[in-house]
Amino acid sequence: RVPALTVSLDVLDELELDHRAALVLAQVDGTTPLSRVLGESCLERGDALRTVCDLVERRILVLRQPK
């Protein structure tokens, strides 16, 4: 799966995000696979995965099929 933003960067700036969310979102470009986003986020894998799940629940991210 590939994480992708569901909101514009302007909207993203207005949301309350913790540092973990910021680290994960910094790796999201809509083409990078989830495994790589998790690995490059500078978080422990479990924390990164929980953060991605939270962002998906908040509808800030979606997980798409790779193209």
N, C-alpha and C. Protein backbone atom coordinates (compact mmCIF):
# COMPACT_ATOMS: atom_id res chain seq x y z
N ARG A 1 0.84 -1.19 0.00
CA ARG A 1 0.00 0.00 0.00
C ARG A 1 0.88 1.25 0.00
N VAL A 2 0.28 2.33 -0.50
CA VAL A 2 0.98 3.61 -0.60
C VAL A 2 0.14 4.66 0.13
N PRO A 3 0.69 5.28 1.18
CA PRO A 3 -0.07 6.34 1.86
C PRO A 3 -0.08 7.60 1.02
N ALA A 4 -1.24 8.27 1.02
CA ALA A 4 -1.39 9.52 0.29
C ALA A 4 -2.25 10.47 1.11
N LEU A 5 -1.96 11.76 1.00
CA LEU A 5 -2.74 12.78 1.71
C LEU A 5 -4.13 12.88 1.13
N THR A 6 -5.10 13.15 1.99
CA THR A 6 -6.47 13.39 1.55
C THR A 6 -6.83 14.87 1.67
N VAL A 7 -5.92 15.64 2.25
CA VAL A 7 -6.15 17.08 2.45
C VAL A 7 -5.04 17.86 1.78
N SER A 8 -5.32 19.12 1.49
CA SER A 8 -4.29 19.97 0.89
C SER A 8 -3.28 20.38 1.96
N LEU A 9 -2.14 20.87 1.54
CA LEU A 9 -1.12 21.32 2.48
C LEU A 9 -1.62 22.49 3.31
N ASP A 10 -2.48 23.34 2.74
CA ASP A 10 -3.04 24.46 3.50
C ASP A 10 -3.88 23.95 4.67
N VAL A 11 -4.70 22.96 4.42
CA VAL A 11 -5.53 22.36 5.47
C VAL A 11 -4.65 21.64 6.48
N LEU A 12 -3.63 20.97 6.00
CA LEU A 12 -2.71 20.24 6.87
C LEU A 12 -2.06 21.18 7.89
N ASP A 13 -1.73 22.38 7.46
CA ASP A 13 -1.13 23.37 8.36
C ASP A 13 -2.06 23.77 9.50
N GLU A 14 -3.36 23.64 9.30
CA GLU A 14 -4.34 24.06 10.30
C GLU A 14 -4.69 22.96 11.30
N LEU A 15 -4.27 21.73 11.03
CA LEU A 15 -4.61 20.60 11.90
C LEU A 15 -3.65 20.49 13.07
N GLU A 16 -4.16 19.98 14.17
CA GLU A 16 -3.30 19.71 15.32
C GLU A 16 -2.61 18.38 15.10
N LEU A 17 -1.29 18.44 14.94
CA LEU A 17 -0.51 17.24 14.71
C LEU A 17 0.66 17.20 15.68
N ASP A 18 0.93 16.03 16.24
CA ASP A 18 2.09 15.92 17.12
C ASP A 18 3.35 15.67 16.29
N HIS A 19 4.48 15.59 16.97
CA HIS A 19 5.75 15.45 16.25
C HIS A 19 5.84 14.13 15.50
N ARG A 20 5.21 13.07 16.03
CA ARG A 20 5.22 11.78 15.34
C ARG A 20 4.48 11.88 14.00
N ALA A 21 3.34 12.53 14.02
CA ALA A 21 2.58 12.71 12.78
C ALA A 21 3.39 13.53 11.77
N ALA A 22 4.06 14.55 12.25
CA ALA A 22 4.88 15.38 11.36
C ALA A 22 6.01 14.56 10.74
N LEU A 23 6.64 13.69 11.53
CA LEU A 23 7.72 12.86 11.00
C LEU A 23 7.22 11.88 9.93
N VAL A 24 6.06 11.31 10.16
CA VAL A 24 5.49 10.39 9.18
C VAL A 24 5.07 11.16 7.93
N LEU A 25 4.34 12.25 8.10
CA LEU A 25 3.83 13.00 6.96
C LEU A 25 4.95 13.58 6.10
N ALA A 26 6.10 13.83 6.70
CA ALA A 26 7.23 14.35 5.93
C ALA A 26 7.71 13.34 4.90
N GLN A 27 7.39 12.06 5.09
CA GLN A 27 7.82 11.01 4.17
C GLN A 27 6.76 10.65 3.12
N VAL A 28 5.55 11.19 3.28
CA VAL A 28 4.44 10.83 2.40
C VAL A 28 4.45 11.72 1.17
N ASP A 29 4.54 11.05 0.00
CA ASP A 29 4.51 11.80 -1.26
C ASP A 29 3.51 11.21 -2.25
N GLY A 30 2.76 10.20 -1.81
CA GLY A 30 1.76 9.58 -2.67
C GLY A 30 2.31 8.50 -3.58
N THR A 31 3.63 8.28 -3.57
CA THR A 31 4.22 7.24 -4.40
C THR A 31 5.11 6.28 -3.61
N THR A 32 5.55 6.69 -2.43
CA THR A 32 6.45 5.88 -1.61
C THR A 32 5.65 4.82 -0.85
N PRO A 33 6.05 3.55 -0.93
CA PRO A 33 5.33 2.48 -0.23
C PRO A 33 5.32 2.69 1.28
N LEU A 34 4.29 2.17 1.92
CA LEU A 34 4.13 2.30 3.36
C LEU A 34 5.35 1.80 4.12
N SER A 35 5.91 0.68 3.72
CA SER A 35 7.05 0.11 4.44
C SER A 35 8.22 1.10 4.45
N ARG A 36 8.42 1.80 3.36
CA ARG A 36 9.52 2.76 3.29
C ARG A 36 9.20 4.01 4.12
N VAL A 37 7.94 4.47 4.08
CA VAL A 37 7.52 5.61 4.90
C VAL A 37 7.76 5.30 6.37
N LEU A 38 7.38 4.09 6.80
CA LEU A 38 7.58 3.69 8.19
C LEU A 38 9.06 3.67 8.54
N GLY A 39 9.88 3.13 7.66
CA GLY A 39 11.31 3.00 7.92
C GLY A 39 12.05 4.32 7.93
N GLU A 40 11.59 5.27 7.14
CA GLU A 40 12.30 6.55 7.03
C GLU A 40 11.73 7.63 7.93
N SER A 41 10.77 7.30 8.75
CA SER A 41 10.13 8.31 9.60
C SER A 41 10.93 8.66 10.85
N CYS A 42 12.01 7.93 11.12
CA CYS A 42 12.84 8.15 12.33
C CYS A 42 12.11 7.76 13.61
N LEU A 43 11.03 6.99 13.49
CA LEU A 43 10.31 6.49 14.65
C LEU A 43 10.50 4.98 14.72
N GLU A 44 10.28 4.41 15.92
CA GLU A 44 10.25 2.96 16.01
C GLU A 44 9.08 2.48 15.17
N ARG A 45 9.22 1.33 14.56
CA ARG A 45 8.22 0.84 13.60
C ARG A 45 6.81 0.81 14.20
N GLY A 46 6.68 0.36 15.43
CA GLY A 46 5.36 0.30 16.07
C GLY A 46 4.75 1.68 16.24
N ASP A 47 5.56 2.64 16.67
CA ASP A 47 5.07 4.02 16.82
C ASP A 47 4.68 4.61 15.47
N ALA A 48 5.49 4.34 14.46
CA ALA A 48 5.20 4.86 13.13
C ALA A 48 3.89 4.26 12.60
N LEU A 49 3.70 2.96 12.80
CA LEU A 49 2.49 2.30 12.32
C LEU A 49 1.25 2.82 13.06
N ARG A 50 1.36 2.98 14.37
CA ARG A 50 0.24 3.54 15.14
C ARG A 50 -0.10 4.95 14.66
N THR A 51 0.92 5.73 14.34
CA THR A 51 0.71 7.09 13.85
C THR A 51 0.01 7.07 12.50
N VAL A 52 0.43 6.18 11.61
CA VAL A 52 -0.24 6.06 10.31
C VAL A 52 -1.70 5.67 10.53
N CYS A 53 -1.97 4.71 11.40
CA CYS A 53 -3.35 4.30 11.68
C CYS A 53 -4.17 5.47 12.19
N ASP A 54 -3.60 6.26 13.07
CA ASP A 54 -4.30 7.44 13.59
C ASP A 54 -4.61 8.42 12.47
N LEU A 55 -3.64 8.66 11.59
CA LEU A 55 -3.85 9.59 10.48
C LEU A 55 -4.91 9.07 9.51
N VAL A 56 -4.97 7.75 9.33
CA VAL A 56 -6.01 7.16 8.48
C VAL A 56 -7.37 7.32 9.16
N GLU A 57 -7.44 7.05 10.45
CA GLU A 57 -8.70 7.21 11.19
C GLU A 57 -9.19 8.66 11.15
N ARG A 58 -8.26 9.59 11.18
CA ARG A 58 -8.62 11.01 11.12
C ARG A 58 -8.87 11.48 9.69
N ARG A 59 -8.74 10.57 8.74
CA ARG A 59 -8.97 10.83 7.31
C ARG A 59 -8.01 11.89 6.76
N ILE A 60 -6.79 11.87 7.28
CA ILE A 60 -5.74 12.73 6.77
C ILE A 60 -4.94 11.96 5.72
N LEU A 61 -4.84 10.65 5.91
CA LEU A 61 -4.16 9.76 4.97
C LEU A 61 -5.12 8.68 4.50
N VAL A 62 -4.87 8.20 3.29
CA VAL A 62 -5.50 6.97 2.79
C VAL A 62 -4.38 6.05 2.34
N LEU A 63 -4.67 4.77 2.32
CA LEU A 63 -3.71 3.77 1.83
C LEU A 63 -4.23 3.25 0.50
N ARG A 64 -3.50 3.55 -0.56
CA ARG A 64 -3.91 3.18 -1.91
C ARG A 64 -3.12 1.99 -2.42
N GLN A 65 -3.66 1.36 -3.45
CA GLN A 65 -2.93 0.31 -4.15
C GLN A 65 -1.79 0.98 -4.92
N PRO A 66 -0.61 0.37 -4.95
CA PRO A 66 0.49 0.95 -5.75
C PRO A 66 0.14 0.91 -7.24
N LYS A 67 0.64 1.91 -7.94
CA LYS A 67 0.37 2.00 -9.39
C LYS A 67 1.40 1.25 -10.18
